[in-house]
Amino acid sequence: MPPVRRPTASSSGTSRYSQEDERVHIADRVREKVSVREIARELGRAPSTISREIRRNWHPTNGRYRPRAGGEVVLQPVQVEPARRSPPTRE
């Protein structure tokens, strides 16, 4: 088993979002077929966080985890419903 590369912790402790070095570590370990729980233990994160990260950045056609896709912001079109007008009041 190759030595485990632990990403350096940021100055503010654990971030809410996975950093690029963590995503690269996840990609390496997924390629080695290591369990999500083991990866989480190595990074000091919850298994659900690692699982969510893998699911979010999984390529839909080739099925590979893409560590560089995590930092991209994808804007989805938002449908705005027309404002409803209240019915006229009777006097």
PDB file of N, CA and C in Angstrom:
ATOM      1  N   MET A   1       0.854  -1.177   0.000  1.00  0.00           N
ATOM      2  CA  MET A   1       0.000   0.000   0.000  1.00  0.00           C
ATOM      3  C   MET A   1       0.898   1.238   0.000  1.00  0.00           C
ATOM      4  N   PRO A   2       0.642   2.199  -0.895  1.00  0.00           N
ATOM      5  CA  PRO A   2       1.474   3.399  -0.956  1.00  0.00           C
ATOM      6  C   PRO A   2       1.244   4.262   0.281  1.00  0.00           C
ATOM      7  N   PRO A   3       2.220   5.107   0.601  1.00  0.00           N
ATOM      8  CA  PRO A   3       2.040   5.981   1.758  1.00  0.00           C
ATOM      9  C   PRO A   3       0.857   6.926   1.548  1.00  0.00           C
ATOM     10  N   VAL A   4       0.168   7.222   2.625  1.00  0.00           N
ATOM     11  CA  VAL A   4      -1.007   8.082   2.557  1.00  0.00           C
ATOM     12  C   VAL A   4      -0.558   9.534   2.556  1.00  0.00           C
ATOM     13  N   ARG A   5      -1.027  10.270   1.550  1.00  0.00           N
ATOM     14  CA  ARG A   5      -0.734  11.699   1.474  1.00  0.00           C
ATOM     15  C   ARG A   5      -1.834  12.437   2.204  1.00  0.00           C
ATOM     16  N   ARG A   6      -1.501  13.110   3.257  1.00  0.00           N
ATOM     17  CA  ARG A   6      -2.495  13.897   3.975  1.00  0.00           C
ATOM     18  C   ARG A   6      -2.396  15.324   3.513  1.00  0.00           C
ATOM     19  N   PRO A   7      -3.497  15.917   3.043  1.00  0.00           N
ATOM     20  CA  PRO A   7      -3.472  17.319   2.642  1.00  0.00           C
ATOM     21  C   PRO A   7      -3.163  18.203   3.846  1.00  0.00           C
ATOM     22  N   THR A   8      -2.495  19.300   3.588  1.00  0.00           N
ATOM     23  CA  THR A   8      -2.207  20.221   4.672  1.00  0.00           C
ATOM     24  C   THR A   8      -3.474  20.944   5.071  1.00  0.00           C
ATOM     25  N   ALA A   9      -3.654  21.139   6.356  1.00  0.00           N
ATOM     26  CA  ALA A   9      -4.862  21.808   6.853  1.00  0.00           C
ATOM     27  C   ALA A   9      -4.752  23.304   6.586  1.00  0.00           C
ATOM     28  N   SER A  10      -5.869  23.901   6.239  1.00  0.00           N
ATOM     29  CA  SER A  10      -5.868  25.343   6.032  1.00  0.00           C
ATOM     30  C   SER A  10      -5.800  26.051   7.383  1.00  0.00           C
ATOM     31  N   SER A  11      -5.480  27.320   7.355  1.00  0.00           N
ATOM     32  CA  SER A  11      -5.307  28.059   8.601  1.00  0.00           C
ATOM     33  C   SER A  11      -6.600  28.160   9.403  1.00  0.00           C
ATOM     34  N   SER A  12      -7.737  28.051   8.720  1.00  0.00           N
ATOM     35  CA  SER A  12      -9.018  28.176   9.415  1.00  0.00           C
ATOM     36  C   SER A  12      -9.590  26.825   9.828  1.00  0.00           C
ATOM     37  N   GLY A  13      -8.782  25.762   9.756  1.00  0.00           N
ATOM     38  CA  GLY A  13      -9.300  24.439  10.124  1.00  0.00           C
ATOM     39  C   GLY A  13      -9.999  23.803   8.943  1.00  0.00           C
ATOM     40  N   THR A  14     -10.960  22.948   9.204  1.00  0.00           N
ATOM     41  CA  THR A  14     -11.661  22.297   8.105  1.00  0.00           C
ATOM     42  C   THR A  14     -12.620  23.265   7.454  1.00  0.00           C
ATOM     43  N   SER A  15     -12.568  23.260   6.156  1.00  0.00           N
ATOM     44  CA  SER A  15     -13.420  24.139   5.370  1.00  0.00           C
ATOM     45  C   SER A  15     -14.741  23.445   5.105  1.00  0.00           C
ATOM     46  N   ARG A  16     -15.745  24.228   4.801  1.00  0.00           N
ATOM     47  CA  ARG A  16     -17.033  23.637   4.475  1.00  0.00           C
ATOM     48  C   ARG A  16     -16.940  22.893   3.147  1.00  0.00           C
ATOM     49  N   TYR A  17     -16.122  23.404   2.240  1.00  0.00           N
ATOM     50  CA  TYR A  17     -15.979  22.823   0.916  1.00  0.00           C
ATOM     51  C   TYR A  17     -14.649  22.092   0.808  1.00  0.00           C
ATOM     52  N   SER A  18     -14.615  21.053  -0.019  1.00  0.00           N
ATOM     53  CA  SER A  18     -13.382  20.314  -0.237  1.00  0.00           C
ATOM     54  C   SER A  18     -12.417  21.173  -1.042  1.00  0.00           C
ATOM     55  N   GLN A  19     -11.187  21.215  -0.593  1.00  0.00           N
ATOM     56  CA  GLN A  19     -10.156  21.947  -1.311  1.00  0.00           C
ATOM     57  C   GLN A  19      -9.618  21.068  -2.432  1.00  0.00           C
ATOM     58  N   GLU A  20      -8.908  21.678  -3.375  1.00  0.00           N
ATOM     59  CA  GLU A  20      -8.410  20.926  -4.521  1.00  0.00           C
ATOM     60  C   GLU A  20      -7.488  19.784  -4.099  1.00  0.00           C
ATOM     61  N   ASP A  21      -6.619  20.023  -3.114  1.00  0.00           N
ATOM     62  CA  ASP A  21      -5.712  18.947  -2.693  1.00  0.00           C
ATOM     63  C   ASP A  21      -6.488  17.780  -2.080  1.00  0.00           C
ATOM     64  N   GLU A  22      -7.607  18.068  -1.410  1.00  0.00           N
ATOM     65  CA  GLU A  22      -8.438  16.991  -0.868  1.00  0.00           C
ATOM     66  C   GLU A  22      -9.112  16.227  -2.004  1.00  0.00           C
ATOM     67  N   ARG A  23      -9.581  16.949  -3.025  1.00  0.00           N
ATOM     68  CA  ARG A  23     -10.237  16.292  -4.157  1.00  0.00           C
ATOM     69  C   ARG A  23      -9.261  15.396  -4.918  1.00  0.00           C
ATOM     70  N   VAL A  24      -8.014  15.841  -5.058  1.00  0.00           N
ATOM     71  CA  VAL A  24      -7.001  15.023  -5.722  1.00  0.00           C
ATOM     72  C   VAL A  24      -6.725  13.770  -4.885  1.00  0.00           C
ATOM     73  N   HIS A  25      -6.656  13.936  -3.568  1.00  0.00           N
ATOM     74  CA  HIS A  25      -6.452  12.792  -2.671  1.00  0.00           C
ATOM     75  C   HIS A  25      -7.610  11.804  -2.813  1.00  0.00           C
ATOM     76  N   ILE A  26      -8.827  12.320  -2.844  1.00  0.00           N
ATOM     77  CA  ILE A  26     -10.008  11.457  -3.008  1.00  0.00           C
ATOM     78  C   ILE A  26      -9.909  10.708  -4.334  1.00  0.00           C
ATOM     79  N   ALA A  27      -9.546  11.401  -5.411  1.00  0.00           N
ATOM     80  CA  ALA A  27      -9.438  10.761  -6.728  1.00  0.00           C
ATOM     81  C   ALA A  27      -8.412   9.637  -6.713  1.00  0.00           C
ATOM     82  N   ASP A  28      -7.260   9.895  -6.085  1.00  0.00           N
ATOM     83  CA  ASP A  28      -6.217   8.868  -6.003  1.00  0.00           C
ATOM     84  C   ASP A  28      -6.721   7.640  -5.259  1.00  0.00           C
ATOM     85  N   ARG A  29      -7.375   7.873  -4.139  1.00  0.00           N
ATOM     86  CA  ARG A  29      -7.833   6.758  -3.303  1.00  0.00           C
ATOM     87  C   ARG A  29      -9.011   6.017  -3.944  1.00  0.00           C
ATOM     88  N   VAL A  30      -9.899   6.740  -4.653  1.00  0.00           N
ATOM     89  CA  VAL A  30     -11.011   6.083  -5.350  1.00  0.00           C
ATOM     90  C   VAL A  30     -10.439   5.171  -6.436  1.00  0.00           C
ATOM     91  N   ARG A  31      -9.421   5.663  -7.151  1.00  0.00           N
ATOM     92  CA  ARG A  31      -8.776   4.863  -8.184  1.00  0.00           C
ATOM     93  C   ARG A  31      -8.158   3.596  -7.596  1.00  0.00           C
ATOM     94  N   GLU A  32      -7.694   3.681  -6.344  1.00  0.00           N
ATOM     95  CA  GLU A  32      -7.117   2.521  -5.659  1.00  0.00           C
ATOM     96  C   GLU A  32      -8.183   1.629  -5.024  1.00  0.00           C
ATOM     97  N   LYS A  33      -9.453   1.999  -5.214  1.00  0.00           N
ATOM     98  CA  LYS A  33     -10.606   1.242  -4.695  1.00  0.00           C
ATOM     99  C   LYS A  33     -10.636   1.173  -3.167  1.00  0.00           C
ATOM    100  N   VAL A  34     -10.267   2.284  -2.517  1.00  0.00           N
ATOM    101  CA  VAL A  34     -10.312   2.396  -1.064  1.00  0.00           C
ATOM    102  C   VAL A  34     -11.736   2.795  -0.682  1.00  0.00           C
ATOM    103  N   SER A  35     -12.211   2.328   0.445  1.00  0.00           N
ATOM    104  CA  SER A  35     -13.579   2.623   0.865  1.00  0.00           C
ATOM    105  C   SER A  35     -13.754   4.102   1.207  1.00  0.00           C
ATOM    106  N   VAL A  36     -14.983   4.572   1.101  1.00  0.00           N
ATOM    107  CA  VAL A  36     -15.319   5.956   1.424  1.00  0.00           C
ATOM    108  C   VAL A  36     -15.008   6.245   2.892  1.00  0.00           C
ATOM    109  N   ARG A  37     -15.279   5.285   3.759  1.00  0.00           N
ATOM    110  CA  ARG A  37     -15.003   5.480   5.191  1.00  0.00           C
ATOM    111  C   ARG A  37     -13.509   5.648   5.461  1.00  0.00           C
ATOM    112  N   GLU A  38     -12.680   4.891   4.763  1.00  0.00           N
ATOM    113  CA  GLU A  38     -11.233   5.007   4.946  1.00  0.00           C
ATOM    114  C   GLU A  38     -10.734   6.364   4.440  1.00  0.00           C
ATOM    115  N   ILE A  39     -11.238   6.795   3.290  1.00  0.00           N
ATOM    116  CA  ILE A  39     -10.857   8.108   2.752  1.00  0.00           C
ATOM    117  C   ILE A  39     -11.273   9.204   3.731  1.00  0.00           C
ATOM    118  N   ALA A  40     -12.475   9.089   4.269  1.00  0.00           N
ATOM    119  CA  ALA A  40     -12.969  10.079   5.231  1.00  0.00           C
ATOM    120  C   ALA A  40     -12.079  10.122   6.463  1.00  0.00           C
ATOM    121  N   ARG A  41     -11.675   8.962   6.952  1.00  0.00           N
ATOM    122  CA  ARG A  41     -10.801   8.888   8.122  1.00  0.00           C
ATOM    123  C   ARG A  41      -9.464   9.579   7.833  1.00  0.00           C
ATOM    124  N   GLU A  42      -8.917   9.355   6.650  1.00  0.00           N
ATOM    125  CA  GLU A  42      -7.634   9.960   6.282  1.00  0.00           C
ATOM    126  C   GLU A  42      -7.709  11.484   6.209  1.00  0.00           C
ATOM    127  N   LEU A  43      -8.853  11.988   5.758  1.00  0.00           N
ATOM    128  CA  LEU A  43      -9.000  13.438   5.576  1.00  0.00           C
ATOM    129  C   LEU A  43      -9.626  14.135   6.783  1.00  0.00           C
ATOM    130  N   GLY A  44     -10.095  13.355   7.746  1.00  0.00           N
ATOM    131  CA  GLY A  44     -10.735  13.958   8.906  1.00  0.00           C
ATOM    132  C   GLY A  44     -12.096  14.553   8.582  1.00  0.00           C
ATOM    133  N   ARG A  45     -12.788  13.931   7.643  1.00  0.00           N
ATOM    134  CA  ARG A  45     -14.121  14.374   7.219  1.00  0.00           C
ATOM    135  C   ARG A  45     -15.128  13.281   7.495  1.00  0.00           C
ATOM    136  N   ALA A  46     -16.403  13.636   7.423  1.00  0.00           N
ATOM    137  CA  ALA A  46     -17.471  12.646   7.589  1.00  0.00           C
ATOM    138  C   ALA A  46     -17.574  11.812   6.308  1.00  0.00           C
ATOM    139  N   PRO A  47     -17.883  10.517   6.428  1.00  0.00           N
ATOM    140  CA  PRO A  47     -18.049   9.685   5.232  1.00  0.00           C
ATOM    141  C   PRO A  47     -19.106  10.236   4.275  1.00  0.00           C
ATOM    142  N   SER A  48     -20.154  10.843   4.824  1.00  0.00           N
ATOM    143  CA  SER A  48     -21.198  11.398   3.960  1.00  0.00           C
ATOM    144  C   SER A  48     -20.661  12.546   3.105  1.00  0.00           C
ATOM    145  N   THR A  49     -19.712  13.315   3.650  1.00  0.00           N
ATOM    146  CA  THR A  49     -19.114  14.415   2.906  1.00  0.00           C
ATOM    147  C   THR A  49     -18.310  13.876   1.726  1.00  0.00           C
ATOM    148  N   ILE A  50     -17.540  12.827   1.970  1.00  0.00           N
ATOM    149  CA  ILE A  50     -16.729  12.230   0.902  1.00  0.00           C
ATOM    150  C   ILE A  50     -17.639  11.616  -0.155  1.00  0.00           C
ATOM    151  N   SER A  51     -18.663  10.909   0.291  1.00  0.00           N
ATOM    152  CA  SER A  51     -19.604  10.287  -0.633  1.00  0.00           C
ATOM    153  C   SER A  51     -20.288  11.343  -1.500  1.00  0.00           C
ATOM    154  N   ARG A  52     -20.704  12.433  -0.888  1.00  0.00           N
ATOM    155  CA  ARG A  52     -21.360  13.527  -1.611  1.00  0.00           C
ATOM    156  C   ARG A  52     -20.401  14.156  -2.625  1.00  0.00           C
ATOM    157  N   GLU A  53     -19.158  14.351  -2.220  1.00  0.00           N
ATOM    158  CA  GLU A  53     -18.141  14.923  -3.108  1.00  0.00           C
ATOM    159  C   GLU A  53     -17.932  14.028  -4.328  1.00  0.00           C
ATOM    160  N   ILE A  54     -17.842  12.723  -4.111  1.00  0.00           N
ATOM    161  CA  ILE A  54     -17.657  11.783  -5.215  1.00  0.00           C
ATOM    162  C   ILE A  54     -18.871  11.810  -6.137  1.00  0.00           C
ATOM    163  N   ARG A  55     -20.062  11.796  -5.548  1.00  0.00           N
ATOM    164  CA  ARG A  55     -21.300  11.790  -6.338  1.00  0.00           C
ATOM    165  C   ARG A  55     -21.440  13.074  -7.159  1.00  0.00           C
ATOM    166  N   ARG A  56     -21.095  14.204  -6.578  1.00  0.00           N
ATOM    167  CA  ARG A  56     -21.222  15.496  -7.281  1.00  0.00           C
ATOM    168  C   ARG A  56     -20.303  15.604  -8.487  1.00  0.00           C
ATOM    169  N   ASN A  57     -19.115  15.036  -8.376  1.00  0.00           N
ATOM    170  CA  ASN A  57     -18.110  15.226  -9.417  1.00  0.00           C
ATOM    171  C   ASN A  57     -17.833  13.963 -10.223  1.00  0.00           C
ATOM    172  N   TRP A  58     -18.785  13.061 -10.247  1.00  0.00           N
ATOM    173  CA  TRP A  58     -18.667  11.827 -11.002  1.00  0.00           C
ATOM    174  C   TRP A  58     -19.022  12.129 -12.448  1.00  0.00           C
ATOM    175  N   HIS A  59     -18.209  11.701 -13.400  1.00  0.00           N
ATOM    176  CA  HIS A  59     -18.487  11.957 -14.817  1.00  0.00           C
ATOM    177  C   HIS A  59     -19.646  11.072 -15.258  1.00  0.00           C
ATOM    178  N   PRO A  60     -20.668  11.645 -15.900  1.00  0.00           N
ATOM    179  CA  PRO A  60     -21.868  10.868 -16.228  1.00  0.00           C
ATOM    180  C   PRO A  60     -21.656   9.773 -17.275  1.00  0.00           C
ATOM    181  N   THR A  61     -20.703   9.946 -18.197  1.00  0.00           N
ATOM    182  CA  THR A  61     -20.548   8.935 -19.248  1.00  0.00           C
ATOM    183  C   THR A  61     -19.447   7.920 -18.964  1.00  0.00           C
ATOM    184  N   ASN A  62     -18.284   8.369 -18.466  1.00  0.00           N
ATOM    185  CA  ASN A  62     -17.210   7.400 -18.262  1.00  0.00           C
ATOM    186  C   ASN A  62     -17.145   6.882 -16.826  1.00  0.00           C
ATOM    187  N   GLY A  63     -17.918   7.454 -15.910  1.00  0.00           N
ATOM    188  CA  GLY A  63     -17.997   6.946 -14.548  1.00  0.00           C
ATOM    189  C   GLY A  63     -16.778   7.191 -13.689  1.00  0.00           C
ATOM    190  N   ARG A  64     -15.941   8.155 -14.061  1.00  0.00           N
ATOM    191  CA  ARG A  64     -14.749   8.455 -13.270  1.00  0.00           C
ATOM    192  C   ARG A  64     -14.972   9.706 -12.433  1.00  0.00           C
ATOM    193  N   TYR A  65     -14.318   9.716 -11.285  1.00  0.00           N
ATOM    194  CA  TYR A  65     -14.360  10.893 -10.414  1.00  0.00           C
ATOM    195  C   TYR A  65     -13.450  11.956 -11.003  1.00  0.00           C
ATOM    196  N   ARG A  66     -13.947  13.206 -11.080  1.00  0.00           N
ATOM    197  CA  ARG A  66     -13.179  14.308 -11.660  1.00  0.00           C
ATOM    198  C   ARG A  66     -12.836  15.311 -10.568  1.00  0.00           C
ATOM    199  N   PRO A  67     -11.623  15.262 -10.021  1.00  0.00           N
ATOM    200  CA  PRO A  67     -11.270  16.139  -8.904  1.00  0.00           C
ATOM    201  C   PRO A  67     -11.253  17.614  -9.274  1.00  0.00           C
ATOM    202  N   ARG A  68     -10.971  17.933 -10.514  1.00  0.00           N
ATOM    203  CA  ARG A  68     -10.882  19.336 -10.927  1.00  0.00           C
ATOM    204  C   ARG A  68     -12.260  19.944 -11.163  1.00  0.00           C
ATOM    205  N   ALA A  69     -13.295  19.130 -11.260  1.00  0.00           N
ATOM    206  CA  ALA A  69     -14.641  19.638 -11.515  1.00  0.00           C
ATOM    207  C   ALA A  69     -15.271  20.256 -10.270  1.00  0.00           C
ATOM    208  N   GLY A  70     -14.733  19.964  -9.095  1.00  0.00           N
ATOM    209  CA  GLY A  70     -15.330  20.424  -7.847  1.00  0.00           C
ATOM    210  C   GLY A  70     -15.282  21.925  -7.639  1.00  0.00           C
ATOM    211  N   GLY A  71     -14.280  22.599  -8.186  1.00  0.00           N
ATOM    212  CA  GLY A  71     -14.151  24.028  -7.971  1.00  0.00           C
ATOM    213  C   GLY A  71     -14.961  24.879  -8.927  1.00  0.00           C
ATOM    214  N   GLU A  72     -15.538  24.244  -9.933  1.00  0.00           N
ATOM    215  CA  GLU A  72     -16.293  24.991 -10.926  1.00  0.00           C
ATOM    216  C   GLU A  72     -17.676  25.343 -10.388  1.00  0.00           C
ATOM    217  N   VAL A  73     -18.119  26.523 -10.734  1.00  0.00           N
ATOM    218  CA  VAL A  73     -19.457  26.933 -10.357  1.00  0.00           C
ATOM    219  C   VAL A  73     -20.326  26.816 -11.596  1.00  0.00           C
ATOM    220  N   VAL A  74     -21.370  26.043 -11.500  1.00  0.00           N
ATOM    221  CA  VAL A  74     -22.264  25.845 -12.626  1.00  0.00           C
ATOM    222  C   VAL A  74     -23.569  26.552 -12.309  1.00  0.00           C
ATOM    223  N   LEU A  75     -23.902  27.507 -13.155  1.00  0.00           N
ATOM    224  CA  LEU A  75     -25.145  28.246 -12.941  1.00  0.00           C
ATOM    225  C   LEU A  75     -26.257  27.566 -13.717  1.00  0.00           C
ATOM    226  N   GLN A  76     -27.315  27.286 -13.036  1.00  0.00           N
ATOM    227  CA  GLN A  76     -28.473  26.672 -13.658  1.00  0.00           C
ATOM    228  C   GLN A  76     -29.490  27.754 -13.979  1.00  0.00           C
ATOM    229  N   PRO A  77     -30.147  27.652 -15.126  1.00  0.00           N
ATOM    230  CA  PRO A  77     -31.171  28.658 -15.431  1.00  0.00           C
ATOM    231  C   PRO A  77     -32.318  28.574 -14.424  1.00  0.00           C
ATOM    232  N   VAL A  78     -32.788  29.698 -14.020  1.00  0.00           N
ATOM    233  CA  VAL A  78     -33.860  29.760 -13.036  1.00  0.00           C
ATOM    234  C   VAL A  78     -35.131  30.212 -13.736  1.00  0.00           C
ATOM    235  N   GLN A  79     -36.201  29.474 -13.543  1.00  0.00           N
ATOM    236  CA  GLN A  79     -37.474  29.874 -14.123  1.00  0.00           C
ATOM    237  C   GLN A  79     -38.201  30.742 -13.113  1.00  0.00           C
ATOM    238  N   VAL A  80     -38.571  31.905 -13.563  1.00  0.00           N
ATOM    239  CA  VAL A  80     -39.284  32.831 -12.695  1.00  0.00           C
ATOM    240  C   VAL A  80     -40.748  32.809 -13.100  1.00  0.00           C
ATOM    241  N   GLU A  81     -41.584  32.528 -12.134  1.00  0.00           N
ATOM    242  CA  GLU A  81     -43.013  32.520 -12.425  1.00  0.00           C
ATOM    243  C   GLU A  81     -43.523  33.953 -12.409  1.00  0.00           C
ATOM    244  N   PRO A  82     -44.479  34.246 -13.287  1.00  0.00           N
ATOM    245  CA  PRO A  82     -45.018  35.608 -13.298  1.00  0.00           C
ATOM    246  C   PRO A  82     -45.722  35.917 -11.976  1.00  0.00           C
ATOM    247  N   ALA A  83     -45.623  37.157 -11.590  1.00  0.00           N
ATOM    248  CA  ALA A  83     -46.261  37.571 -10.334  1.00  0.00           C
ATOM    249  C   ALA A  83     -47.777  37.446 -10.474  1.00  0.00           C
ATOM    250  N   ARG A  84     -48.416  36.969  -9.422  1.00  0.00           N
ATOM    251  CA  ARG A  84     -49.872  36.828  -9.448  1.00  0.00           C
ATOM    252  C   ARG A  84     -50.511  38.109  -8.940  1.00  0.00           C
ATOM    253  N   ARG A  85     -51.509  38.496  -9.621  1.00  0.00           N
ATOM    254  CA  ARG A  85     -52.219  39.687  -9.205  1.00  0.00           C
ATOM    255  C   ARG A  85     -53.434  39.258  -8.371  1.00  0.00           C
ATOM    256  N   SER A  86     -53.699  40.021  -7.375  1.00  0.00           N
ATOM    257  CA  SER A  86     -54.864  39.693  -6.563  1.00  0.00           C
ATOM    258  C   SER A  86     -56.119  40.157  -7.321  1.00  0.00           C
ATOM    259  N   PRO A  87     -57.223  39.450  -7.102  1.00  0.00           N
ATOM    260  CA  PRO A  87     -58.449  39.829  -7.808  1.00  0.00           C
ATOM    261  C   PRO A  87     -58.929  41.211  -7.336  1.00  0.00           C
ATOM    262  N   PRO A  88     -59.582  41.914  -8.215  1.00  0.00           N
ATOM    263  CA  PRO A  88     -60.073  43.241  -7.822  1.00  0.00           C
ATOM    264  C   PRO A  88     -61.097  43.121  -6.683  1.00  0.00           C
ATOM    265  N   THR A  89     -61.112  44.084  -5.798  1.00  0.00           N
ATOM    266  CA  THR A  89     -62.074  44.061  -4.676  1.00  0.00           C
ATOM    267  C   THR A  89     -63.380  44.683  -5.123  1.00  0.00           C
ATOM    268  N   ARG A  90     -64.468  44.169  -4.577  1.00  0.00           N
ATOM    269  CA  ARG A  90     -65.791  44.694  -4.920  1.00  0.00           C
ATOM    270  C   ARG A  90     -66.194  45.733  -3.874  1.00  0.00           C
ATOM    271  N   GLU A  91     -66.767  46.742  -4.336  1.00  0.00           N
ATOM    272  CA  GLU A  91     -67.244  47.782  -3.393  1.00  0.00           C
ATOM    273  C   GLU A  91     -68.709  47.818  -3.284  1.00  0.00           C
TER     274      GLU A  91
END
